[in-house]
Amino acid sequence: MQREFQFYIVPTPIGNMSDITLRAIEVLKNVDLIACEDTRTTQNILNHYDIKTKTVSYHKYNEKSKVDELISLLNTGKKIALVSDAGTPMICDPGAIILKALRENNIKTTSLAGPCAVTTFLSQIPRDNEIFTFVGFFPKTTQKSQELLLNHSKTNLVFYESPNRIIDTLKLIKQVRGNVKIALGRELTKLFEEIVIDNIDNIIEHFKDGIKGEIVCMVYQAEDGDIDIITKISKLKTKGFKSKEIATILSTLYDLNKNDVYKLTM
């Protein structure tokens, strides 16, 4: 282990336990303390690899209160590793507050290479270019979702989503972008891993009996001729058309649900 570092950001498997790196095992065995998003989840990994290092809870609800405690330990010469429940810390996981404090206190920090759901997913997805926007978890409000889809329609949009929300999210994307091409990955690195690339209607049909597992999704960037409903609504409004008229026009032209279009005009 590189002894010149005091704080280690350590990725852990996103599914398959064998995906942990040799260096990650070495670091976790040799640090004095492991800060975990959930100590119970991390303990399963530690038990699997016979790692006896003490753990401490460090998650989004106690980040601020734990920072001083961790910094104090580091200032006494202790070495600490930060892990999340799965994947690489700081990718939709806690860590920003402690990392800021580490830099302010000139504590040497390093990040290990390792599992990440985003890169694991994208490495299997054919794309015309390397440009993409990762936005973490998809917004929960309709307005923020619409704004996100509108602002990022010209790039591949990558996000996390839960299985109980994904179908509604796909329907919302269709309202704004039309029946566009989607790539959806679930249960990455696990026994029932599945990658589906198709238009929204076909993907919804594919999962009509339900969908399980953590999900990573990519909305392909808009191509010439793709529907951008929000922009079209805005243009029609500037011409003086009323909401009901806009809903009738766009639902007729693009075979969309009239009520869904009407809601977007409000």
C-alpha atoms as a PDB file:
ATOM      1  CA  MET A   1       0.000   0.000   0.000  1.00  0.00           C
ATOM      2  CA  GLN A   2       1.239   3.501  -0.770  1.00  0.00           C
ATOM      3  CA  ARG A   3       1.948   4.791   2.752  1.00  0.00           C
ATOM      4  CA  GLU A   4       2.285   8.428   1.709  1.00  0.00           C
ATOM      5  CA  PHE A   5      -1.507   8.711   1.452  1.00  0.00           C
ATOM      6  CA  GLN A   6      -3.757   9.028   4.481  1.00  0.00           C
ATOM      7  CA  PHE A   7      -7.219   8.973   2.926  1.00  0.00           C
ATOM      8  CA  TYR A   8      -8.293   6.435   0.294  1.00  0.00           C
ATOM      9  CA  ILE A   9     -11.437   6.549  -1.869  1.00  0.00           C
ATOM     10  CA  VAL A  10     -12.132   2.885  -2.525  1.00  0.00           C
ATOM     11  CA  PRO A  11     -14.626   1.546  -5.103  1.00  0.00           C
ATOM     12  CA  THR A  12     -16.489  -1.621  -4.170  1.00  0.00           C
ATOM     13  CA  PRO A  13     -18.383  -4.104  -6.398  1.00  0.00           C
ATOM     14  CA  ILE A  14     -21.673  -2.954  -7.926  1.00  0.00           C
ATOM     15  CA  GLY A  15     -22.955  -6.519  -7.992  1.00  0.00           C
ATOM     16  CA  ASN A  16     -20.449  -9.266  -8.633  1.00  0.00           C
ATOM     17  CA  MET A  17     -18.316  -9.647  -5.512  1.00  0.00           C
ATOM     18  CA  SER A  18     -15.307 -10.729  -7.603  1.00  0.00           C
ATOM     19  CA  ASP A  19     -15.056  -7.281  -9.204  1.00  0.00           C
ATOM     20  CA  ILE A  20     -13.147  -5.818  -6.251  1.00  0.00           C
ATOM     21  CA  THR A  21      -9.502  -5.071  -7.086  1.00  0.00           C
ATOM     22  CA  LEU A  22      -6.452  -6.542  -5.353  1.00  0.00           C
ATOM     23  CA  ARG A  23      -5.381  -3.025  -4.376  1.00  0.00           C
ATOM     24  CA  ALA A  24      -8.789  -2.296  -2.854  1.00  0.00           C
ATOM     25  CA  ILE A  25      -8.500  -5.411  -0.680  1.00  0.00           C
ATOM     26  CA  GLU A  26      -4.983  -4.423   0.360  1.00  0.00           C
ATOM     27  CA  VAL A  27      -6.026  -0.891   1.285  1.00  0.00           C
ATOM     28  CA  LEU A  28      -9.113  -1.996   3.216  1.00  0.00           C
ATOM     29  CA  LYS A  29      -6.994  -4.450   5.206  1.00  0.00           C
ATOM     30  CA  ASN A  30      -4.302  -1.930   6.077  1.00  0.00           C
ATOM     31  CA  VAL A  31      -6.125   1.308   6.882  1.00  0.00           C
ATOM     32  CA  ASP A  32      -7.087   2.041  10.471  1.00  0.00           C
ATOM     33  CA  LEU A  33     -10.741   2.788   9.740  1.00  0.00           C
ATOM     34  CA  ILE A  34     -13.296   2.373   6.939  1.00  0.00           C
ATOM     35  CA  ALA A  35     -15.976   5.054   6.601  1.00  0.00           C
ATOM     36  CA  CYS A  36     -19.058   3.348   5.133  1.00  0.00           C
ATOM     37  CA  GLU A  37     -22.324   4.540   3.653  1.00  0.00           C
ATOM     38  CA  ASP A  38     -23.938   1.538   5.390  1.00  0.00           C
ATOM     39  CA  THR A  39     -21.743  -0.515   7.728  1.00  0.00           C
ATOM     40  CA  ARG A  40     -23.966  -3.590   7.307  1.00  0.00           C
ATOM     41  CA  THR A  41     -23.596  -3.593   3.528  1.00  0.00           C
ATOM     42  CA  THR A  42     -19.840  -3.041   3.683  1.00  0.00           C
ATOM     43  CA  GLN A  43     -19.446  -5.736   6.335  1.00  0.00           C
ATOM     44  CA  ASN A  44     -20.645  -8.331   3.822  1.00  0.00           C
ATOM     45  CA  ILE A  45     -17.702  -7.449   1.583  1.00  0.00           C
ATOM     46  CA  LEU A  46     -15.256  -7.346   4.474  1.00  0.00           C
ATOM     47  CA  ASN A  47     -16.401 -10.755   5.720  1.00  0.00           C
ATOM     48  CA  HIS A  48     -16.090 -12.214   2.232  1.00  0.00           C
ATOM     49  CA  TYR A  49     -12.438 -11.169   2.018  1.00  0.00           C
ATOM     50  CA  ASP A  50     -11.615 -11.731   5.696  1.00  0.00           C
ATOM     51  CA  ILE A  51     -10.973  -8.031   6.339  1.00  0.00           C
ATOM     52  CA  LYS A  52     -11.017  -7.175  10.043  1.00  0.00           C
ATOM     53  CA  THR A  53     -10.713  -3.363   9.821  1.00  0.00           C
ATOM     54  CA  LYS A  54     -13.039  -1.332  12.037  1.00  0.00           C
ATOM     55  CA  THR A  55     -15.879   0.520  10.312  1.00  0.00           C
ATOM     56  CA  VAL A  56     -17.750   3.736  11.024  1.00  0.00           C
ATOM     57  CA  SER A  57     -21.004   5.024   9.534  1.00  0.00           C
ATOM     58  CA  TYR A  58     -20.622   7.920   7.096  1.00  0.00           C
ATOM     59  CA  HIS A  59     -23.656   8.792   4.953  1.00  0.00           C
ATOM     60  CA  LYS A  60     -25.530  11.803   3.596  1.00  0.00           C
ATOM     61  CA  TYR A  61     -27.411  12.336   6.859  1.00  0.00           C
ATOM     62  CA  ASN A  62     -24.326  12.548   9.081  1.00  0.00           C
ATOM     63  CA  GLU A  63     -21.673  13.878   6.684  1.00  0.00           C
ATOM     64  CA  LYS A  64     -21.310  17.243   8.402  1.00  0.00           C
ATOM     65  CA  SER A  65     -21.273  15.867  11.931  1.00  0.00           C
ATOM     66  CA  LYS A  66     -18.648  13.213  11.114  1.00  0.00           C
ATOM     67  CA  VAL A  67     -16.138  15.441   9.317  1.00  0.00           C
ATOM     68  CA  ASP A  68     -14.416  16.855  12.410  1.00  0.00           C
ATOM     69  CA  GLU A  69     -14.120  13.395  13.930  1.00  0.00           C
ATOM     70  CA  LEU A  70     -12.491  11.942  10.811  1.00  0.00           C
ATOM     71  CA  ILE A  71     -10.164  14.910  10.334  1.00  0.00           C
ATOM     72  CA  SER A  72      -9.035  14.627  13.952  1.00  0.00           C
ATOM     73  CA  LEU A  73      -8.152  10.963  13.447  1.00  0.00           C
ATOM     74  CA  LEU A  74      -6.246  11.764  10.271  1.00  0.00           C
ATOM     75  CA  ASN A  75      -4.324  14.502  12.071  1.00  0.00           C
ATOM     76  CA  THR A  76      -3.080  11.908  14.565  1.00  0.00           C
ATOM     77  CA  GLY A  77      -1.625   9.863  11.708  1.00  0.00           C
ATOM     78  CA  LYS A  78      -4.486   7.418  11.193  1.00  0.00           C
ATOM     79  CA  LYS A  79      -5.346   6.176   7.712  1.00  0.00           C
ATOM     80  CA  ILE A  80      -8.965   6.042   6.544  1.00  0.00           C
ATOM     81  CA  ALA A  81     -10.749   4.518   3.548  1.00  0.00           C
ATOM     82  CA  LEU A  82     -14.077   5.812   2.242  1.00  0.00           C
ATOM     83  CA  VAL A  83     -16.493   3.367   0.592  1.00  0.00           C
ATOM     84  CA  SER A  84     -20.090   3.558  -0.586  1.00  0.00           C
ATOM     85  CA  ASP A  85     -22.617   0.731  -0.659  1.00  0.00           C
ATOM     86  CA  ALA A  86     -21.592  -0.114  -4.226  1.00  0.00           C
ATOM     87  CA  GLY A  87     -19.374   1.386  -6.894  1.00  0.00           C
ATOM     88  CA  THR A  88     -17.195   4.465  -6.637  1.00  0.00           C
ATOM     89  CA  PRO A  89     -17.785   7.003  -3.844  1.00  0.00           C
ATOM     90  CA  MET A  90     -18.735  10.515  -4.961  1.00  0.00           C
ATOM     91  CA  ILE A  91     -20.656   9.191  -7.991  1.00  0.00           C
ATOM     92  CA  CYS A  92     -24.148   9.835  -6.579  1.00  0.00           C
ATOM     93  CA  ASP A  93     -22.817   8.871  -3.153  1.00  0.00           C
ATOM     94  CA  PRO A  94     -21.618  10.820  -0.087  1.00  0.00           C
ATOM     95  CA  GLY A  95     -18.110  12.249   0.107  1.00  0.00           C
ATOM     96  CA  ALA A  96     -18.124  15.869  -1.094  1.00  0.00           C
ATOM     97  CA  ILE A  97     -18.010  17.380   2.394  1.00  0.00           C
ATOM     98  CA  ILE A  98     -15.118  15.273   3.667  1.00  0.00           C
ATOM     99  CA  LEU A  99     -13.136  15.763   0.452  1.00  0.00           C
ATOM    100  CA  LYS A 100     -13.424  19.538   0.792  1.00  0.00           C
ATOM    101  CA  ALA A 101     -12.207  19.310   4.378  1.00  0.00           C
ATOM    102  CA  LEU A 102      -9.298  17.066   3.374  1.00  0.00           C
ATOM    103  CA  ARG A 103      -8.048  19.638   0.880  1.00  0.00           C
ATOM    104  CA  GLU A 104      -8.462  22.467   3.350  1.00  0.00           C
ATOM    105  CA  ASN A 105      -6.336  20.500   5.829  1.00  0.00           C
ATOM    106  CA  ASN A 106      -3.730  19.428   3.251  1.00  0.00           C
ATOM    107  CA  ILE A 107      -4.338  15.745   3.915  1.00  0.00           C
ATOM    108  CA  LYS A 108      -3.012  13.565   1.115  1.00  0.00           C
ATOM    109  CA  THR A 109      -5.808  11.742  -0.642  1.00  0.00           C
ATOM    110  CA  THR A 110      -6.013   9.241  -3.485  1.00  0.00           C
ATOM    111  CA  SER A 111      -8.762   7.405  -5.351  1.00  0.00           C
ATOM    112  CA  LEU A 112      -8.460   3.800  -6.468  1.00  0.00           C
ATOM    113  CA  ALA A 113      -9.660   2.676  -9.878  1.00  0.00           C
ATOM    114  CA  GLY A 114     -12.586   0.322  -9.793  1.00  0.00           C
ATOM    115  CA  PRO A 115     -16.262  -0.453 -10.388  1.00  0.00           C
ATOM    116  CA  CYS A 116     -18.714   2.267 -11.440  1.00  0.00           C
ATOM    117  CA  ALA A 117     -22.191   1.623 -12.818  1.00  0.00           C
ATOM    118  CA  VAL A 118     -21.986   4.488 -15.323  1.00  0.00           C
ATOM    119  CA  THR A 119     -18.782   3.354 -17.040  1.00  0.00           C
ATOM    120  CA  THR A 120     -19.740  -0.321 -16.810  1.00  0.00           C
ATOM    121  CA  PHE A 121     -22.980   0.532 -18.595  1.00  0.00           C
ATOM    122  CA  LEU A 122     -21.530   2.888 -21.223  1.00  0.00           C
ATOM    123  CA  SER A 123     -18.803   0.418 -22.176  1.00  0.00           C
ATOM    124  CA  GLN A 124     -21.580  -1.796 -23.583  1.00  0.00           C
ATOM    125  CA  ILE A 125     -23.552   0.918 -25.367  1.00  0.00           C
ATOM    126  CA  PRO A 126     -22.839   1.820 -29.028  1.00  0.00           C
ATOM    127  CA  ARG A 127     -22.627   5.588 -29.512  1.00  0.00           C
ATOM    128  CA  ASP A 128     -21.590   7.855 -32.360  1.00  0.00           C
ATOM    129  CA  ASN A 129     -19.332   9.935 -30.127  1.00  0.00           C
ATOM    130  CA  GLU A 130     -17.847  10.055 -26.631  1.00  0.00           C
ATOM    131  CA  ILE A 131     -19.904  13.021 -25.424  1.00  0.00           C
ATOM    132  CA  PHE A 132     -22.505  12.345 -22.753  1.00  0.00           C
ATOM    133  CA  THR A 133     -24.097  14.120 -19.798  1.00  0.00           C
ATOM    134  CA  PHE A 134     -24.483  12.205 -16.544  1.00  0.00           C
ATOM    135  CA  VAL A 135     -27.082  13.765 -14.229  1.00  0.00           C
ATOM    136  CA  GLY A 136     -27.242  11.273 -11.373  1.00  0.00           C
ATOM    137  CA  PHE A 137     -30.767  10.237 -10.445  1.00  0.00           C
ATOM    138  CA  PHE A 138     -33.535  11.463 -12.714  1.00  0.00           C
ATOM    139  CA  PRO A 139     -35.515  14.386 -11.216  1.00  0.00           C
ATOM    140  CA  LYS A 140     -38.676  13.550  -9.310  1.00  0.00           C
ATOM    141  CA  THR A 141     -40.688  16.579 -10.427  1.00  0.00           C
ATOM    142  CA  THR A 142     -42.223  16.926 -13.870  1.00  0.00           C
ATOM    143  CA  GLN A 143     -41.002  20.492 -14.372  1.00  0.00           C
ATOM    144  CA  LYS A 144     -37.365  19.688 -13.582  1.00  0.00           C
ATOM    145  CA  SER A 145     -37.560  16.588 -15.750  1.00  0.00           C
ATOM    146  CA  GLN A 146     -38.870  18.578 -18.700  1.00  0.00           C
ATOM    147  CA  GLU A 147     -36.187  21.226 -18.268  1.00  0.00           C
ATOM    148  CA  LEU A 148     -33.493  18.551 -18.091  1.00  0.00           C
ATOM    149  CA  LEU A 149     -34.673  16.830 -21.258  1.00  0.00           C
ATOM    150  CA  LEU A 150     -34.967  20.130 -23.095  1.00  0.00           C
ATOM    151  CA  ASN A 151     -31.553  21.444 -22.033  1.00  0.00           C
ATOM    152  CA  HIS A 152     -29.733  18.212 -22.869  1.00  0.00           C
ATOM    153  CA  SER A 153     -31.528  17.010 -25.978  1.00  0.00           C
ATOM    154  CA  LYS A 154     -28.411  17.448 -28.137  1.00  0.00           C
ATOM    155  CA  THR A 155     -26.235  15.085 -26.111  1.00  0.00           C
ATOM    156  CA  ASN A 156     -26.550  11.533 -24.824  1.00  0.00           C
ATOM    157  CA  LEU A 157     -28.243  11.835 -21.420  1.00  0.00           C
ATOM    158  CA  VAL A 158     -27.300   9.238 -18.793  1.00  0.00           C
ATOM    159  CA  PHE A 159     -29.060   8.802 -15.458  1.00  0.00           C
ATOM    160  CA  TYR A 160     -29.874   6.418 -12.630  1.00  0.00           C
ATOM    161  CA  GLU A 161     -33.446   5.402 -11.904  1.00  0.00           C
ATOM    162  CA  SER A 162     -35.296   3.060  -9.553  1.00  0.00           C
ATOM    163  CA  PRO A 163     -37.315   0.105 -10.898  1.00  0.00           C
ATOM    164  CA  ASN A 164     -40.575   1.443  -9.441  1.00  0.00           C
ATOM    165  CA  ARG A 165     -40.210   4.780 -11.310  1.00  0.00           C
ATOM    166  CA  ILE A 166     -38.555   3.833 -14.600  1.00  0.00           C
ATOM    167  CA  ILE A 167     -41.707   3.174 -16.650  1.00  0.00           C
ATOM    168  CA  ASP A 168     -43.259   6.516 -15.661  1.00  0.00           C
ATOM    169  CA  THR A 169     -39.932   8.188 -16.414  1.00  0.00           C
ATOM    170  CA  LEU A 170     -39.826   6.650 -19.887  1.00  0.00           C
ATOM    171  CA  LYS A 171     -43.384   7.838 -20.531  1.00  0.00           C
ATOM    172  CA  LEU A 172     -42.407  11.358 -19.496  1.00  0.00           C
ATOM    173  CA  ILE A 173     -39.373  11.277 -21.795  1.00  0.00           C
ATOM    174  CA  LYS A 174     -41.668  10.244 -24.639  1.00  0.00           C
ATOM    175  CA  GLN A 175     -43.957  13.200 -23.931  1.00  0.00           C
ATOM    176  CA  VAL A 176     -41.058  15.609 -24.343  1.00  0.00           C
ATOM    177  CA  ARG A 177     -38.795  13.901 -26.869  1.00  0.00           C
ATOM    178  CA  GLY A 178     -41.120  11.520 -28.665  1.00  0.00           C
ATOM    179  CA  ASN A 179     -40.555   7.780 -29.118  1.00  0.00           C
ATOM    180  CA  VAL A 180     -36.771   8.166 -29.046  1.00  0.00           C
ATOM    181  CA  LYS A 181     -34.028   5.564 -28.798  1.00  0.00           C
ATOM    182  CA  ILE A 182     -33.127   4.481 -25.271  1.00  0.00           C
ATOM    183  CA  ALA A 183     -30.459   2.234 -23.790  1.00  0.00           C
ATOM    184  CA  LEU A 184     -31.385   0.651 -20.459  1.00  0.00           C
ATOM    185  CA  GLY A 185     -29.207  -1.513 -18.239  1.00  0.00           C
ATOM    186  CA  ARG A 186     -30.241  -3.331 -15.089  1.00  0.00           C
ATOM    187  CA  GLU A 187     -28.601  -5.685 -12.596  1.00  0.00           C
ATOM    188  CA  LEU A 188     -25.152  -4.850 -14.008  1.00  0.00           C
ATOM    189  CA  THR A 189     -22.493  -7.540 -13.306  1.00  0.00           C
ATOM    190  CA  LYS A 190     -25.123  -9.727 -11.621  1.00  0.00           C
ATOM    191  CA  LEU A 191     -26.664 -13.023 -12.695  1.00  0.00           C
ATOM    192  CA  PHE A 192     -29.665 -11.414 -14.419  1.00  0.00           C
ATOM    193  CA  GLU A 193     -27.814  -8.512 -16.050  1.00  0.00           C
ATOM    194  CA  GLU A 194     -29.714  -7.136 -19.029  1.00  0.00           C
ATOM    195  CA  ILE A 195     -29.025  -4.402 -21.574  1.00  0.00           C
ATOM    196  CA  VAL A 196     -31.894  -3.307 -23.847  1.00  0.00           C
ATOM    197  CA  ILE A 197     -31.504  -0.765 -26.661  1.00  0.00           C
ATOM    198  CA  ASP A 198     -34.683   0.216 -28.492  1.00  0.00           C
ATOM    199  CA  ASN A 199     -37.288   2.955 -28.776  1.00  0.00           C
ATOM    200  CA  ILE A 200     -39.310   3.837 -25.689  1.00  0.00           C
ATOM    201  CA  ASP A 201     -42.501   2.045 -26.721  1.00  0.00           C
ATOM    202  CA  ASN A 202     -40.672  -1.227 -27.322  1.00  0.00           C
ATOM    203  CA  ILE A 203     -38.768  -0.996 -24.046  1.00  0.00           C
ATOM    204  CA  ILE A 204     -41.987  -0.354 -22.104  1.00  0.00           C
ATOM    205  CA  GLU A 205     -43.531  -3.364 -23.836  1.00  0.00           C
ATOM    206  CA  HIS A 206     -40.429  -5.446 -23.045  1.00  0.00           C
ATOM    207  CA  PHE A 207     -40.860  -4.744 -19.331  1.00  0.00           C
ATOM    208  CA  LYS A 208     -44.654  -4.881 -19.263  1.00  0.00           C
ATOM    209  CA  ASP A 209     -44.551  -7.617 -16.599  1.00  0.00           C
ATOM    210  CA  GLY A 210     -42.339  -5.557 -14.328  1.00  0.00           C
ATOM    211  CA  ILE A 211     -38.680  -4.702 -13.923  1.00  0.00           C
ATOM    212  CA  LYS A 212     -36.288  -5.410 -11.077  1.00  0.00           C
ATOM    213  CA  GLY A 213     -32.832  -4.229 -10.101  1.00  0.00           C
ATOM    214  CA  GLU A 214     -30.896  -0.998 -10.087  1.00  0.00           C
ATOM    215  CA  ILE A 215     -31.130   0.830 -13.425  1.00  0.00           C
ATOM    216  CA  VAL A 216     -28.823   2.939 -15.567  1.00  0.00           C
ATOM    217  CA  CYS A 217     -30.415   4.553 -18.613  1.00  0.00           C
ATOM    218  CA  MET A 218     -29.293   6.636 -21.581  1.00  0.00           C
ATOM    219  CA  VAL A 219     -31.489   8.768 -23.814  1.00  0.00           C
ATOM    220  CA  TYR A 220     -29.782   9.016 -27.192  1.00  0.00           C
ATOM    221  CA  GLN A 221     -29.096  12.517 -28.425  1.00  0.00           C
ATOM    222  CA  ALA A 222     -31.639  14.077 -30.750  1.00  0.00           C
ATOM    223  CA  GLU A 223     -31.186  13.550 -34.473  1.00  0.00           C
ATOM    224  CA  ASP A 224     -32.602  15.600 -37.304  1.00  0.00           C
ATOM    225  CA  GLY A 225     -36.333  15.054 -37.335  1.00  0.00           C
ATOM    226  CA  ASP A 226     -36.636  14.009 -33.693  1.00  0.00           C
ATOM    227  CA  ILE A 227     -39.575  15.517 -31.865  1.00  0.00           C
ATOM    228  CA  ASP A 228     -38.777  18.200 -29.301  1.00  0.00           C
ATOM    229  CA  ILE A 229     -42.232  18.897 -27.915  1.00  0.00           C
ATOM    230  CA  ILE A 230     -41.281  21.600 -25.424  1.00  0.00           C
ATOM    231  CA  THR A 231     -39.589  23.693 -28.107  1.00  0.00           C
ATOM    232  CA  LYS A 232     -42.565  23.251 -30.430  1.00  0.00           C
ATOM    233  CA  ILE A 233     -44.969  24.294 -27.673  1.00  0.00           C
ATOM    234  CA  SER A 234     -42.907  27.401 -27.025  1.00  0.00           C
ATOM    235  CA  LYS A 235     -42.913  28.345 -30.717  1.00  0.00           C
ATOM    236  CA  LEU A 236     -46.665  27.858 -31.031  1.00  0.00           C
ATOM    237  CA  LYS A 237     -47.269  29.981 -27.934  1.00  0.00           C
ATOM    238  CA  THR A 238     -45.247  32.836 -29.426  1.00  0.00           C
ATOM    239  CA  LYS A 239     -47.604  32.676 -32.422  1.00  0.00           C
ATOM    240  CA  GLY A 240     -50.627  33.158 -30.177  1.00  0.00           C
ATOM    241  CA  PHE A 241     -51.986  29.593 -30.080  1.00  0.00           C
ATOM    242  CA  LYS A 242     -53.860  28.577 -26.934  1.00  0.00           C
ATOM    243  CA  SER A 243     -53.058  25.457 -24.873  1.00  0.00           C
ATOM    244  CA  LYS A 244     -55.994  23.456 -26.240  1.00  0.00           C
ATOM    245  CA  GLU A 245     -55.072  24.385 -29.801  1.00  0.00           C
ATOM    246  CA  ILE A 246     -51.434  23.428 -29.258  1.00  0.00           C
ATOM    247  CA  ALA A 247     -52.449  20.086 -27.748  1.00  0.00           C
ATOM    248  CA  THR A 248     -54.663  19.333 -30.738  1.00  0.00           C
ATOM    249  CA  ILE A 249     -52.021  20.328 -33.290  1.00  0.00           C
ATOM    250  CA  LEU A 250     -49.090  18.427 -31.764  1.00  0.00           C
ATOM    251  CA  SER A 251     -51.053  15.314 -30.793  1.00  0.00           C
ATOM    252  CA  THR A 252     -52.367  15.112 -34.349  1.00  0.00           C
ATOM    253  CA  LEU A 253     -49.025  15.692 -36.063  1.00  0.00           C
ATOM    254  CA  TYR A 254     -46.935  13.389 -33.860  1.00  0.00           C
ATOM    255  CA  ASP A 255     -49.448  10.778 -32.713  1.00  0.00           C
ATOM    256  CA  LEU A 256     -49.131  11.790 -29.051  1.00  0.00           C
ATOM    257  CA  ASN A 257     -51.695  11.708 -26.263  1.00  0.00           C
ATOM    258  CA  LYS A 258     -53.624  14.991 -26.395  1.00  0.00           C
ATOM    259  CA  ASN A 259     -53.981  15.261 -22.610  1.00  0.00           C
ATOM    260  CA  ASP A 260     -50.250  14.670 -22.093  1.00  0.00           C
ATOM    261  CA  VAL A 261     -49.389  17.437 -24.534  1.00  0.00           C
ATOM    262  CA  TYR A 262     -51.911  19.751 -22.892  1.00  0.00           C
ATOM    263  CA  LYS A 263     -50.263  19.250 -19.484  1.00  0.00           C
ATOM    264  CA  LEU A 264     -46.915  20.265 -20.970  1.00  0.00           C
ATOM    265  CA  THR A 265     -48.396  23.556 -22.139  1.00  0.00           C
ATOM    266  CA  MET A 266     -49.390  24.638 -18.616  1.00  0.00           C
END
